[in-house]
Amino acid sequence: MPRTLALDGPEPLVAEGDARLRRTGFPARVRESFLAKYGWDPAIPARPGERRVLLEIAVRDWVPASLAE
C-alpha cells in the first residue's frame, strides 16, 4: 500500500514508499535501537491491555518538504 510519511525537524523530509503494519515480531535491531535511544522496548506495552504497532516503510523516494508542496 503506497504511503507518504513526513518527518519534521530543522530540514523536514517527505518519504514516499510502501508501508507495512507490524503488530508482532518487531525486529531485534529495532527493539535494541529504541532501548538504546529512548530507554524502552517498543514490543512491551506501557500499560496492561495496551498494544503497540510498528510501521515499516520501504522508502522509494525522499523529497525535501519544501519541494513536496
Protein backbone atom coordinates (compact mmCIF):
# COMPACT_ATOMS: atom_id res chain seq x y z
CA MET A 1 0.00 0.00 0.00
CA PRO A 2 1.71 3.23 -1.12
CA ARG A 3 2.01 5.86 1.60
CA THR A 4 3.67 9.21 2.27
CA LEU A 5 5.37 10.00 5.57
CA ALA A 6 6.54 13.46 6.61
CA LEU A 7 9.46 13.85 9.03
CA ASP A 8 9.54 17.20 10.78
CA GLY A 9 12.65 18.93 12.03
CA PRO A 10 15.13 21.61 11.03
CA GLU A 11 15.22 20.21 7.48
CA PRO A 12 11.86 18.41 7.00
CA LEU A 13 11.66 15.49 4.57
CA VAL A 14 8.85 13.58 2.92
CA ALA A 15 9.32 9.85 2.27
CA GLU A 16 7.29 8.02 -0.35
CA GLY A 17 7.11 4.26 -0.21
CA ASP A 18 5.20 1.14 0.78
CA ALA A 19 4.07 0.74 4.39
CA ARG A 20 3.64 -2.47 6.34
CA LEU A 21 1.96 -2.58 9.74
CA ARG A 22 3.67 -4.92 12.19
CA ARG A 23 1.58 -5.90 15.21
CA THR A 24 4.10 -8.51 16.45
CA GLY A 25 7.57 -9.71 15.62
CA PHE A 26 9.38 -6.41 15.92
CA PRO A 27 12.95 -6.96 14.62
CA ALA A 28 15.60 -7.28 17.35
CA ARG A 29 17.64 -4.49 15.74
CA VAL A 30 14.68 -2.09 16.03
CA ARG A 31 13.97 -3.09 19.64
CA GLU A 32 17.64 -2.63 20.58
CA SER A 33 17.77 0.78 18.88
CA PHE A 34 14.67 2.02 20.72
CA LEU A 35 16.05 0.73 24.02
CA ALA A 36 19.41 2.43 23.47
CA LYS A 37 17.95 5.76 22.32
CA TYR A 38 14.73 6.07 24.35
CA GLY A 39 15.20 3.61 27.23
CA TRP A 40 12.16 1.45 26.43
CA ASP A 41 11.32 -1.60 24.34
CA PRO A 42 8.59 -0.92 21.74
CA ALA A 43 7.40 -4.55 21.92
CA ILE A 44 6.49 -4.25 25.62
CA PRO A 45 3.18 -2.45 26.28
CA ALA A 46 3.36 0.58 28.57
CA ARG A 47 0.10 -0.42 30.31
CA PRO A 48 -1.78 -3.70 30.69
CA GLY A 49 -4.04 -4.35 27.70
CA GLU A 50 -2.24 -1.80 25.54
CA ARG A 51 -0.92 -2.85 22.12
CA ARG A 52 1.84 -1.30 20.08
CA VAL A 53 2.42 -1.39 16.36
CA LEU A 54 5.43 -0.69 14.19
CA LEU A 55 5.21 0.94 10.78
CA GLU A 56 7.83 -0.48 8.45
CA ILE A 57 8.28 1.71 5.38
CA ALA A 58 10.24 0.63 2.32
CA VAL A 59 11.21 4.08 1.06
CA ARG A 60 11.19 4.60 -2.71
CA ASP A 61 11.97 8.30 -2.71
CA TRP A 62 12.97 11.14 -0.35
CA VAL A 63 11.75 14.64 -1.15
CA PRO A 64 12.60 17.82 0.78
CA ALA A 65 9.34 19.07 2.31
CA SER A 66 9.84 22.44 0.63
CA LEU A 67 9.55 20.73 -2.77
CA ALA A 68 6.65 18.42 -1.80
CA GLU A 69 4.04 21.18 -1.55
